[in-house]
């Protein structure tokens, strides 16, 4: 399979009666992971539907609440799922409800620096969900991992009601050239207020 390619498949069954074919099914493979050459930034500008989530990013709910539900600025939102914000900076947001399960956002990059990475500077902004706070007041806490190791300095909770710019240098890595760098943000539904 080639990354970012459309395919059409059919199945068939053969028995004593003959051959029966299924209807064609189309699918596309995911885009190739971006190459990290020393700097990677993503501001999610204009992520206004699920087809616009940038290459290298995967975002899934453990309870399969994975629909793109609307604008991050919609203060009347009540549907759990993903939300975006057009403009700069954009946002890849998620509204937790009582049924949304655990959210996992994952960024996968390929080390294209030409050498082994031993340190990596990671920063992001955690933004408080202001979508319909009367009905959906939850305080999800995010844990962050780099290649499977928890990075406490990047943990974020919405409980204090403030956005936060978090950053740290992750040390002790051993990511060889062409190996993947995986940064994962995980949150549960959060407790209601």
N, C-alpha and C. Protein backbone atom coordinates (compact mmCIF):
# COMPACT_ATOMS: atom_id res chain seq x y z
N UNK A 1 0.83 -1.19 0.00
CA UNK A 1 0.00 0.00 0.00
C UNK A 1 0.87 1.25 0.00
N UNK A 2 0.44 2.23 -0.73
CA UNK A 2 1.15 3.49 -0.81
C UNK A 2 0.38 4.55 -0.03
N UNK A 3 1.09 5.36 0.75
CA UNK A 3 0.44 6.40 1.55
C UNK A 3 -0.31 7.38 0.67
N UNK A 4 -1.49 7.82 1.16
CA UNK A 4 -2.27 8.83 0.47
C UNK A 4 -2.80 8.39 -0.88
N UNK A 5 -3.14 7.12 -1.02
CA UNK A 5 -3.59 6.58 -2.31
C UNK A 5 -5.00 6.03 -2.18
N UNK A 6 -5.81 6.25 -3.21
CA UNK A 6 -7.17 5.72 -3.24
C UNK A 6 -7.18 4.33 -3.86
N UNK A 7 -7.95 3.43 -3.27
CA UNK A 7 -8.09 2.06 -3.76
C UNK A 7 -9.56 1.70 -3.83
N UNK A 8 -9.89 0.76 -4.70
CA UNK A 8 -11.21 0.16 -4.76
C UNK A 8 -11.04 -1.35 -4.70
N UNK A 9 -11.81 -2.00 -3.84
CA UNK A 9 -11.70 -3.46 -3.70
C UNK A 9 -13.07 -4.10 -3.85
N UNK A 10 -13.05 -5.36 -4.27
CA UNK A 10 -14.25 -6.20 -4.32
C UNK A 10 -13.87 -7.55 -3.76
N UNK A 11 -14.83 -8.21 -3.13
CA UNK A 11 -14.58 -9.58 -2.68
C UNK A 11 -15.44 -10.51 -3.52
N UNK A 12 -15.08 -11.77 -3.48
CA UNK A 12 -15.89 -12.73 -4.21
C UNK A 12 -15.86 -14.08 -3.50
N UNK A 13 -16.88 -14.88 -3.79
CA UNK A 13 -16.99 -16.23 -3.24
C UNK A 13 -17.30 -17.18 -4.39
N UNK A 14 -16.66 -18.32 -4.35
CA UNK A 14 -16.88 -19.35 -5.36
C UNK A 14 -17.38 -20.61 -4.66
N UNK A 15 -18.48 -21.14 -5.19
CA UNK A 15 -18.97 -22.43 -4.69
C UNK A 15 -19.56 -23.20 -5.86
N UNK A 16 -20.28 -24.27 -5.58
CA UNK A 16 -20.81 -25.12 -6.65
C UNK A 16 -21.86 -24.41 -7.50
N UNK A 17 -22.45 -23.34 -6.98
CA UNK A 17 -23.46 -22.59 -7.72
C UNK A 17 -22.81 -21.60 -8.69
N UNK A 18 -21.60 -21.18 -8.39
CA UNK A 18 -20.93 -20.21 -9.25
C UNK A 18 -20.11 -19.23 -8.43
N UNK A 19 -19.91 -18.06 -9.00
CA UNK A 19 -19.11 -17.01 -8.38
C UNK A 19 -20.00 -15.81 -8.09
N UNK A 20 -19.89 -15.26 -6.90
CA UNK A 20 -20.67 -14.09 -6.52
C UNK A 20 -19.71 -13.00 -6.08
N UNK A 21 -19.91 -11.77 -6.60
CA UNK A 21 -19.04 -10.63 -6.30
C UNK A 21 -19.75 -9.62 -5.40
N UNK A 22 -19.00 -9.02 -4.53
CA UNK A 22 -19.56 -7.94 -3.69
C UNK A 22 -19.58 -6.65 -4.50
N UNK A 23 -20.23 -5.66 -3.93
CA UNK A 23 -20.17 -4.33 -4.52
C UNK A 23 -18.78 -3.75 -4.28
N UNK A 24 -18.29 -2.88 -5.16
CA UNK A 24 -16.98 -2.27 -4.93
C UNK A 24 -16.99 -1.38 -3.70
N UNK A 25 -15.90 -1.36 -2.96
CA UNK A 25 -15.73 -0.49 -1.79
C UNK A 25 -14.48 0.34 -2.02
N UNK A 26 -14.60 1.64 -1.85
CA UNK A 26 -13.46 2.54 -2.04
C UNK A 26 -12.92 2.98 -0.69
N UNK A 27 -11.61 3.14 -0.60
CA UNK A 27 -10.96 3.68 0.59
C UNK A 27 -9.65 4.33 0.17
N UNK A 28 -9.15 5.17 1.04
CA UNK A 28 -7.85 5.81 0.80
C UNK A 28 -6.94 5.52 1.98
N UNK A 29 -5.68 5.29 1.69
CA UNK A 29 -4.72 5.10 2.77
C UNK A 29 -4.36 6.45 3.36
N UNK A 30 -3.89 6.45 4.59
CA UNK A 30 -3.52 7.69 5.26
C UNK A 30 -2.30 8.31 4.59
N UNK A 31 -2.19 9.62 4.68
CA UNK A 31 -1.04 10.32 4.12
C UNK A 31 0.23 9.90 4.86
N UNK A 32 1.36 10.03 4.19
CA UNK A 32 2.64 9.70 4.81
C UNK A 32 2.90 10.62 6.00
N UNK A 33 3.64 10.12 6.99
CA UNK A 33 4.01 10.94 8.14
C UNK A 33 4.94 12.06 7.69
N UNK A 34 4.78 13.25 8.24
CA UNK A 34 5.70 14.34 7.92
C UNK A 34 7.12 14.02 8.40
N UNK A 35 8.10 14.58 7.71
CA UNK A 35 9.49 14.40 8.09
C UNK A 35 9.92 15.54 9.00
N UNK A 36 10.49 15.18 10.14
CA UNK A 36 11.02 16.17 11.09
C UNK A 36 12.47 16.43 10.74
N UNK A 37 12.78 17.69 10.39
CA UNK A 37 14.15 18.05 10.01
C UNK A 37 14.79 18.99 11.02
N UNK A 38 14.14 19.19 12.13
CA UNK A 38 14.68 20.07 13.17
C UNK A 38 13.63 20.97 13.77
N UNK A 39 12.59 21.31 12.97
CA UNK A 39 11.49 22.15 13.45
C UNK A 39 10.20 21.63 12.83
N UNK A 40 9.17 21.49 13.65
CA UNK A 40 7.83 21.16 13.16
C UNK A 40 6.85 22.03 13.92
N UNK A 41 5.97 22.70 13.20
CA UNK A 41 4.90 23.48 13.84
C UNK A 41 3.58 23.13 13.18
N UNK A 42 2.52 23.23 13.96
CA UNK A 42 1.18 22.99 13.43
C UNK A 42 0.22 23.87 14.22
N UNK A 43 -0.41 24.84 13.54
CA UNK A 43 -1.34 25.71 14.26
C UNK A 43 -2.81 25.36 13.99
N UNK A 44 -3.07 24.32 13.22
CA UNK A 44 -4.42 23.85 12.93
C UNK A 44 -5.31 24.92 12.30
N UNK A 45 -4.71 25.88 11.60
CA UNK A 45 -5.50 26.89 10.91
C UNK A 45 -6.44 26.22 9.92
N UNK A 46 -7.68 26.60 9.95
CA UNK A 46 -8.70 26.14 9.01
C UNK A 46 -9.04 24.66 9.12
N UNK A 47 -8.84 24.05 10.29
CA UNK A 47 -9.32 22.68 10.50
C UNK A 47 -10.79 22.80 10.88
N UNK A 48 -11.62 22.76 9.86
CA UNK A 48 -13.06 22.95 10.06
C UNK A 48 -13.88 21.70 9.74
N UNK A 49 -13.21 20.60 9.38
CA UNK A 49 -13.88 19.31 9.22
C UNK A 49 -12.84 18.21 9.31
N UNK A 50 -13.28 16.98 9.44
CA UNK A 50 -12.35 15.88 9.71
C UNK A 50 -11.41 15.59 8.56
N UNK A 51 -11.74 15.98 7.35
CA UNK A 51 -10.83 15.73 6.22
C UNK A 51 -9.66 16.70 6.20
N UNK A 52 -9.70 17.73 7.03
CA UNK A 52 -8.64 18.74 7.05
C UNK A 52 -7.64 18.55 8.20
N UNK A 53 -7.76 17.46 8.96
CA UNK A 53 -6.79 17.19 10.01
C UNK A 53 -5.45 16.91 9.33
N UNK A 54 -4.39 17.59 9.73
CA UNK A 54 -3.11 17.51 9.02
C UNK A 54 -2.49 16.11 9.02
N UNK A 55 -1.67 15.86 8.02
CA UNK A 55 -0.93 14.60 7.91
C UNK A 55 -0.10 14.38 9.16
N UNK A 56 -0.05 13.14 9.60
CA UNK A 56 0.71 12.78 10.79
C UNK A 56 -0.11 12.78 12.06
N UNK A 57 -1.27 13.40 12.03
CA UNK A 57 -2.14 13.48 13.21
C UNK A 57 -3.23 12.42 13.14
N UNK A 58 -3.49 11.78 14.28
CA UNK A 58 -4.60 10.85 14.42
C UNK A 58 -5.32 11.24 15.71
N UNK A 59 -6.63 11.24 15.68
CA UNK A 59 -7.41 11.64 16.84
C UNK A 59 -8.62 10.71 16.95
N UNK A 60 -8.70 9.98 18.07
CA UNK A 60 -9.75 8.99 18.23
C UNK A 60 -10.28 8.96 19.66
N UNK A 61 -11.57 8.70 19.78
CA UNK A 61 -12.22 8.50 21.07
C UNK A 61 -12.41 7.00 21.28
N UNK A 62 -12.16 6.53 22.51
CA UNK A 62 -12.30 5.10 22.80
C UNK A 62 -13.74 4.61 22.69
N UNK A 63 -14.69 5.51 22.77
CA UNK A 63 -16.09 5.10 22.64
C UNK A 63 -16.65 5.45 21.26
N UNK A 64 -15.74 5.68 20.30
CA UNK A 64 -16.10 5.91 18.90
C UNK A 64 -16.94 7.16 18.68
N UNK A 65 -16.74 8.18 19.52
CA UNK A 65 -17.37 9.48 19.29
C UNK A 65 -16.33 10.31 18.55
N UNK A 66 -16.27 10.09 17.23
CA UNK A 66 -15.19 10.65 16.41
C UNK A 66 -15.68 11.60 15.33
N UNK A 67 -16.92 12.05 15.42
CA UNK A 67 -17.44 12.94 14.39
C UNK A 67 -16.90 14.35 14.58
N UNK A 68 -16.88 15.09 13.50
CA UNK A 68 -16.51 16.49 13.55
C UNK A 68 -17.81 17.26 13.75
N UNK A 69 -17.94 17.94 14.90
CA UNK A 69 -19.24 18.46 15.32
C UNK A 69 -19.46 19.93 15.06
N UNK A 70 -18.42 20.71 14.75
CA UNK A 70 -18.66 22.11 14.46
C UNK A 70 -17.54 23.03 14.87
N UNK A 71 -17.91 24.29 15.09
CA UNK A 71 -16.94 25.33 15.39
C UNK A 71 -16.63 25.41 16.88
N UNK A 72 -15.36 25.53 17.21
CA UNK A 72 -14.89 25.65 18.59
C UNK A 72 -15.50 26.87 19.28
N UNK A 73 -15.93 27.85 18.51
CA UNK A 73 -16.49 29.08 19.08
C UNK A 73 -18.00 29.02 19.28
N UNK A 74 -18.64 27.88 19.00
CA UNK A 74 -20.08 27.72 19.17
C UNK A 74 -20.38 27.50 20.65
N UNK A 75 -20.90 28.53 21.32
CA UNK A 75 -21.15 28.43 22.76
C UNK A 75 -22.42 27.65 23.09
N UNK A 76 -23.17 27.21 22.08
CA UNK A 76 -24.35 26.39 22.32
C UNK A 76 -24.12 24.91 22.00
N UNK A 77 -22.89 24.53 21.76
CA UNK A 77 -22.61 23.14 21.40
C UNK A 77 -22.92 22.21 22.56
N UNK A 78 -23.47 21.05 22.23
CA UNK A 78 -23.74 20.05 23.26
C UNK A 78 -23.37 18.65 22.79
N UNK A 79 -22.99 18.50 21.54
CA UNK A 79 -22.65 17.20 20.98
C UNK A 79 -21.17 16.91 21.20
N UNK A 80 -20.88 15.76 21.78
CA UNK A 80 -19.49 15.36 21.95
C UNK A 80 -18.84 15.11 20.61
N UNK A 81 -17.56 15.39 20.52
CA UNK A 81 -16.81 15.15 19.29
C UNK A 81 -15.80 16.25 19.04
N UNK A 82 -15.26 16.25 17.84
CA UNK A 82 -14.21 17.19 17.48
C UNK A 82 -14.79 18.52 17.02
N UNK A 83 -14.06 19.57 17.32
CA UNK A 83 -14.42 20.92 16.91
C UNK A 83 -13.17 21.61 16.39
N UNK A 84 -13.34 22.50 15.43
CA UNK A 84 -12.22 23.24 14.89
C UNK A 84 -12.48 24.72 14.95
N UNK A 85 -11.45 25.49 14.64
CA UNK A 85 -11.61 26.95 14.57
C UNK A 85 -10.81 27.43 13.37
N UNK A 86 -11.49 28.08 12.45
CA UNK A 86 -10.81 28.65 11.30
C UNK A 86 -9.97 29.83 11.73
N UNK A 87 -8.92 30.10 11.00
CA UNK A 87 -8.08 31.26 11.30
C UNK A 87 -6.76 30.84 11.90
N UNK A 88 -6.06 31.85 12.41
CA UNK A 88 -4.72 31.61 12.92
C UNK A 88 -4.59 32.26 14.29
N UNK A 89 -4.40 31.58 15.40
CA UNK A 89 -4.22 30.14 15.40
C UNK A 89 -5.55 29.41 15.33
N UNK A 90 -5.53 28.26 14.72
CA UNK A 90 -6.69 27.39 14.69
C UNK A 90 -6.68 26.53 15.93
N UNK A 91 -7.54 25.52 15.93
CA UNK A 91 -7.58 24.62 17.08
C UNK A 91 -8.11 23.27 16.61
N UNK A 92 -7.57 22.22 17.20
CA UNK A 92 -8.16 20.89 17.08
C UNK A 92 -8.73 20.60 18.46
N UNK A 93 -10.00 20.88 18.63
CA UNK A 93 -10.64 20.76 19.93
C UNK A 93 -11.53 19.54 20.03
N UNK A 94 -11.91 19.21 21.26
CA UNK A 94 -12.78 18.07 21.50
C UNK A 94 -13.69 18.39 22.67
N UNK A 95 -14.98 18.17 22.48
CA UNK A 95 -15.95 18.39 23.54
C UNK A 95 -16.26 17.04 24.18
N UNK A 96 -15.85 16.88 25.44
CA UNK A 96 -16.16 15.66 26.18
C UNK A 96 -17.58 15.74 26.74
N UNK A 97 -18.26 14.62 26.70
CA UNK A 97 -19.57 14.48 27.35
C UNK A 97 -19.52 13.20 28.19
N UNK A 98 -20.63 12.82 28.76
CA UNK A 98 -20.65 11.63 29.61
C UNK A 98 -20.40 10.34 28.82
N UNK A 99 -20.46 10.41 27.48
CA UNK A 99 -20.31 9.18 26.69
C UNK A 99 -19.11 9.19 25.75
N UNK A 100 -18.21 10.16 25.87
CA UNK A 100 -17.15 10.27 24.87
C UNK A 100 -15.95 9.38 25.13
N UNK A 101 -15.76 8.83 26.30
CA UNK A 101 -14.64 7.92 26.53
C UNK A 101 -13.31 8.65 26.60
N UNK A 102 -12.25 7.90 26.33
CA UNK A 102 -10.90 8.45 26.40
C UNK A 102 -10.49 8.96 25.03
N UNK A 103 -9.99 10.18 24.98
CA UNK A 103 -9.54 10.81 23.74
C UNK A 103 -8.03 10.61 23.61
N UNK A 104 -7.59 10.18 22.43
CA UNK A 104 -6.16 10.08 22.15
C UNK A 104 -5.85 10.85 20.89
N UNK A 105 -5.03 11.88 21.02
CA UNK A 105 -4.50 12.62 19.87
C UNK A 105 -3.05 12.21 19.72
N UNK A 106 -2.66 11.86 18.50
CA UNK A 106 -1.30 11.37 18.29
C UNK A 106 -0.68 12.06 17.09
N UNK A 107 0.54 12.54 17.27
CA UNK A 107 1.34 13.09 16.17
C UNK A 107 2.50 12.14 15.93
N UNK A 108 2.65 11.69 14.69
CA UNK A 108 3.77 10.84 14.32
C UNK A 108 4.58 11.55 13.25
N UNK A 109 5.87 11.68 13.51
CA UNK A 109 6.82 12.29 12.58
C UNK A 109 7.94 11.30 12.31
N UNK A 110 8.63 11.48 11.20
CA UNK A 110 9.79 10.65 10.87
C UNK A 110 11.04 11.49 11.09
N UNK A 111 12.01 10.94 11.83
CA UNK A 111 13.27 11.66 12.07
C UNK A 111 14.05 11.77 10.77
N UNK A 112 14.06 12.98 10.22
CA UNK A 112 14.79 13.26 8.99
C UNK A 112 15.94 14.22 9.22
N UNK A 113 16.46 14.23 10.45
CA UNK A 113 17.55 15.16 10.78
C UNK A 113 18.91 14.69 10.29
N UNK A 114 19.01 13.42 9.92
CA UNK A 114 20.30 12.89 9.49
C UNK A 114 21.13 12.35 10.64
N UNK A 115 20.60 12.39 11.85
CA UNK A 115 21.32 11.87 13.01
C UNK A 115 20.34 11.36 14.06
N UNK A 116 20.86 10.77 15.10
CA UNK A 116 20.04 10.25 16.19
C UNK A 116 19.59 11.40 17.08
N UNK A 117 18.29 11.46 17.36
CA UNK A 117 17.77 12.48 18.28
C UNK A 117 17.91 11.98 19.70
N UNK A 118 18.54 12.78 20.55
CA UNK A 118 18.65 12.44 21.97
C UNK A 118 17.84 13.40 22.83
N UNK A 119 17.57 14.59 22.31
CA UNK A 119 16.75 15.60 23.00
C UNK A 119 15.74 16.15 22.01
N UNK A 120 14.57 16.53 22.51
CA UNK A 120 13.54 17.10 21.66
C UNK A 120 12.78 18.15 22.46
N UNK A 121 12.66 19.34 21.93
CA UNK A 121 11.91 20.42 22.57
C UNK A 121 10.47 20.33 22.08
N UNK A 122 9.52 20.21 23.00
CA UNK A 122 8.10 20.07 22.66
C UNK A 122 7.33 21.19 23.35
N UNK A 123 6.46 21.85 22.60
CA UNK A 123 5.60 22.87 23.20
C UNK A 123 4.23 22.82 22.52
N UNK A 124 3.22 23.20 23.28
CA UNK A 124 1.86 23.29 22.75
C UNK A 124 1.04 24.18 23.68
N UNK A 125 -0.12 24.59 23.20
CA UNK A 125 -1.05 25.37 24.02
C UNK A 125 -2.28 24.53 24.32
N UNK A 126 -2.56 24.35 25.61
CA UNK A 126 -3.79 23.70 26.03
C UNK A 126 -4.86 24.77 26.16
N UNK A 127 -5.99 24.55 25.53
CA UNK A 127 -7.03 25.57 25.52
C UNK A 127 -8.29 25.05 26.20
N UNK A 128 -8.86 25.86 27.07
CA UNK A 128 -10.07 25.49 27.80
C UNK A 128 -11.25 25.43 26.84
N UNK A 129 -12.05 24.40 27.01
CA UNK A 129 -13.25 24.21 26.21
C UNK A 129 -14.34 25.12 26.77
N UNK A 130 -14.72 26.13 26.01
CA UNK A 130 -15.78 27.04 26.46
C UNK A 130 -17.11 26.73 25.77
N UNK A 131 -17.20 25.57 25.14
CA UNK A 131 -18.43 25.20 24.44
C UNK A 131 -19.52 24.85 25.44
N UNK A 132 -20.53 25.66 25.49
CA UNK A 132 -21.70 25.42 26.32
C UNK A 132 -21.32 24.99 27.74
N UNK A 133 -20.64 25.85 28.49
CA UNK A 133 -20.14 25.44 29.80
C UNK A 133 -21.24 25.10 30.80
N UNK A 134 -22.44 25.59 30.61
CA UNK A 134 -23.52 25.28 31.55
C UNK A 134 -23.89 23.80 31.51
N UNK A 135 -23.97 23.23 30.31
CA UNK A 135 -24.39 21.84 30.16
C UNK A 135 -23.25 20.84 30.10
N UNK A 136 -22.07 21.27 29.71
CA UNK A 136 -20.97 20.34 29.48
C UNK A 136 -19.73 20.69 30.29
N UNK A 137 -19.91 21.19 31.47
CA UNK A 137 -18.76 21.60 32.26
C UNK A 137 -18.02 20.36 32.75
N UNK A 138 -16.93 20.08 32.08
CA UNK A 138 -16.06 18.95 32.41
C UNK A 138 -14.64 19.48 32.47
N UNK A 139 -13.80 18.78 33.19
CA UNK A 139 -12.42 19.22 33.37
C UNK A 139 -11.46 18.13 32.96
N UNK A 140 -11.33 17.87 31.65
CA UNK A 140 -10.41 16.83 31.22
C UNK A 140 -8.97 17.19 31.54
N UNK A 141 -8.22 16.16 31.91
CA UNK A 141 -6.79 16.31 32.17
C UNK A 141 -6.05 15.53 31.09
N UNK A 142 -5.03 16.15 30.53
CA UNK A 142 -4.26 15.54 29.46
C UNK A 142 -2.91 15.07 29.97
N UNK A 143 -2.56 13.84 29.65
CA UNK A 143 -1.20 13.35 29.88
C UNK A 143 -0.52 13.32 28.52
N UNK A 144 0.78 13.54 28.52
CA UNK A 144 1.53 13.59 27.27
C UNK A 144 2.68 12.60 27.33
N UNK A 145 2.87 11.87 26.25
CA UNK A 145 3.99 10.93 26.14
C UNK A 145 4.77 11.22 24.87
N UNK A 146 6.08 10.99 24.94
CA UNK A 146 6.93 11.03 23.76
C UNK A 146 7.55 9.65 23.63
N UNK A 147 7.24 8.99 22.53
CA UNK A 147 7.68 7.61 22.26
C UNK A 147 7.42 6.69 23.45
N UNK A 148 6.23 6.83 24.04
CA UNK A 148 5.78 5.93 25.09
C UNK A 148 6.20 6.31 26.50
N UNK A 149 7.01 7.35 26.66
CA UNK A 149 7.45 7.77 28.00
C UNK A 149 6.68 9.02 28.41
N UNK A 150 6.05 8.98 29.60
CA UNK A 150 5.29 10.12 30.11
C UNK A 150 6.20 11.32 30.33
N UNK A 151 5.68 12.51 29.97
CA UNK A 151 6.42 13.76 30.16
C UNK A 151 5.56 14.64 31.07
N UNK A 152 5.83 14.59 32.37
CA UNK A 152 5.01 15.29 33.36
C UNK A 152 4.95 16.79 33.12
N UNK A 153 6.01 17.38 32.62
CA UNK A 153 6.05 18.83 32.41
C UNK A 153 5.07 19.28 31.33
N UNK A 154 4.55 18.36 30.53
CA UNK A 154 3.60 18.71 29.47
C UNK A 154 2.16 18.37 29.82
N UNK A 155 1.90 17.86 31.02
CA UNK A 155 0.54 17.53 31.44
C UNK A 155 -0.28 18.81 31.58
N UNK A 156 -1.58 18.72 31.24
CA UNK A 156 -2.44 19.90 31.26
C UNK A 156 -3.84 19.51 31.72
N UNK A 157 -4.44 20.36 32.52
CA UNK A 157 -5.82 20.18 32.94
C UNK A 157 -6.59 21.47 32.69
N UNK A 158 -7.85 21.34 32.33
CA UNK A 158 -8.71 22.50 32.11
C UNK A 158 -9.39 22.97 33.40
N UNK A 159 -9.11 22.30 34.51
CA UNK A 159 -9.84 22.55 35.75
C UNK A 159 -9.75 23.98 36.25
N UNK A 160 -8.60 24.66 36.06
CA UNK A 160 -8.49 26.03 36.57
C UNK A 160 -9.10 27.06 35.63
N UNK A 161 -9.62 26.62 34.48
CA UNK A 161 -10.31 27.52 33.57
C UNK A 161 -9.41 28.40 32.72
N UNK A 162 -8.12 28.08 32.65
CA UNK A 162 -7.17 28.91 31.91
C UNK A 162 -6.47 28.13 30.81
N UNK A 163 -6.23 28.82 29.71
CA UNK A 163 -5.37 28.26 28.67
C UNK A 163 -3.95 28.24 29.21
N UNK A 164 -3.11 27.38 28.68
CA UNK A 164 -1.73 27.30 29.15
C UNK A 164 -0.80 26.93 28.01
N UNK A 165 0.29 27.67 27.89
CA UNK A 165 1.37 27.33 26.96
C UNK A 165 2.35 26.47 27.73
N UNK A 166 2.54 25.24 27.28
CA UNK A 166 3.43 24.30 27.96
C UNK A 166 4.60 23.97 27.06
N UNK A 167 5.76 23.83 27.64
CA UNK A 167 6.94 23.46 26.86
C UNK A 167 7.98 22.84 27.77
N UNK A 168 8.76 21.95 27.19
CA UNK A 168 9.86 21.34 27.91
C UNK A 168 10.81 20.70 26.91
N UNK A 169 12.01 20.45 27.35
CA UNK A 169 12.97 19.69 26.56
C UNK A 169 12.93 18.25 27.07
N UNK A 170 12.62 17.33 26.17
CA UNK A 170 12.57 15.91 26.51
C UNK A 170 13.96 15.35 26.23
N UNK A 171 14.58 14.79 27.26
CA UNK A 171 15.94 14.28 27.13
C UNK A 171 15.95 12.76 27.23
N UNK A 172 17.10 12.17 26.97
CA UNK A 172 17.25 10.73 27.11
C UNK A 172 16.64 9.92 25.98
N UNK A 173 16.39 10.56 24.85
CA UNK A 173 15.81 9.86 23.71
C UNK A 173 16.91 9.15 22.91
N UNK A 174 16.51 8.22 22.07
CA UNK A 174 17.43 7.54 21.17
C UNK A 174 16.65 7.20 19.90
N UNK A 175 16.33 8.25 19.12
CA UNK A 175 15.50 8.09 17.93
C UNK A 175 16.40 8.21 16.71
N UNK A 176 16.65 7.08 16.09
CA UNK A 176 17.58 7.03 14.96
C UNK A 176 16.97 7.66 13.72
N UNK A 177 17.82 7.99 12.75
CA UNK A 177 17.37 8.54 11.47
C UNK A 177 16.34 7.60 10.84
N UNK A 178 15.26 8.17 10.33
CA UNK A 178 14.14 7.48 9.68
C UNK A 178 13.24 6.72 10.65
N UNK A 179 13.54 6.74 11.95
CA UNK A 179 12.63 6.16 12.94
C UNK A 179 11.54 7.18 13.26
N UNK A 180 10.45 6.72 13.87
CA UNK A 180 9.34 7.63 14.15
C UNK A 180 9.45 8.27 15.53
N UNK A 181 8.94 9.47 15.57
CA UNK A 181 8.77 10.24 16.81
C UNK A 181 7.27 10.29 17.03
N UNK A 182 6.79 9.79 18.17
CA UNK A 182 5.35 9.76 18.42
C UNK A 182 5.06 10.56 19.69
N UNK A 183 4.27 11.61 19.54
CA UNK A 183 3.85 12.43 20.68
C UNK A 183 2.35 12.20 20.84
N UNK A 184 1.95 11.79 22.04
CA UNK A 184 0.56 11.42 22.29
C UNK A 184 -0.02 12.25 23.43
N UNK A 185 -1.23 12.79 23.22
CA UNK A 185 -1.99 13.49 24.24
C UNK A 185 -3.21 12.63 24.55
N UNK A 186 -3.44 12.28 25.80
CA UNK A 186 -4.57 11.43 26.17
C UNK A 186 -5.36 12.12 27.28
N UNK A 187 -6.68 12.12 27.16
CA UNK A 187 -7.52 12.68 28.23
C UNK A 187 -8.76 11.82 28.41
N UNK A 188 -9.21 11.76 29.67
CA UNK A 188 -10.50 11.11 29.93
C UNK A 188 -11.58 12.18 29.81
N UNK A 189 -12.81 11.84 30.13
CA UNK A 189 -13.93 12.78 29.98
C UNK A 189 -13.87 13.93 30.95
N UNK A 190 -13.12 13.81 32.01
CA UNK A 190 -13.09 14.84 33.04
C UNK A 190 -14.30 14.73 33.95
N UNK A 191 -14.16 15.22 35.12
CA UNK A 191 -15.26 15.21 36.08
C UNK A 191 -16.15 16.39 35.86
N UNK A 192 -17.42 16.27 36.12
CA UNK A 192 -18.32 17.41 36.00
C UNK A 192 -18.13 18.30 37.21
N UNK A 193 -18.39 19.60 37.01
CA UNK A 193 -18.14 20.59 38.06
C UNK A 193 -19.12 20.55 39.18
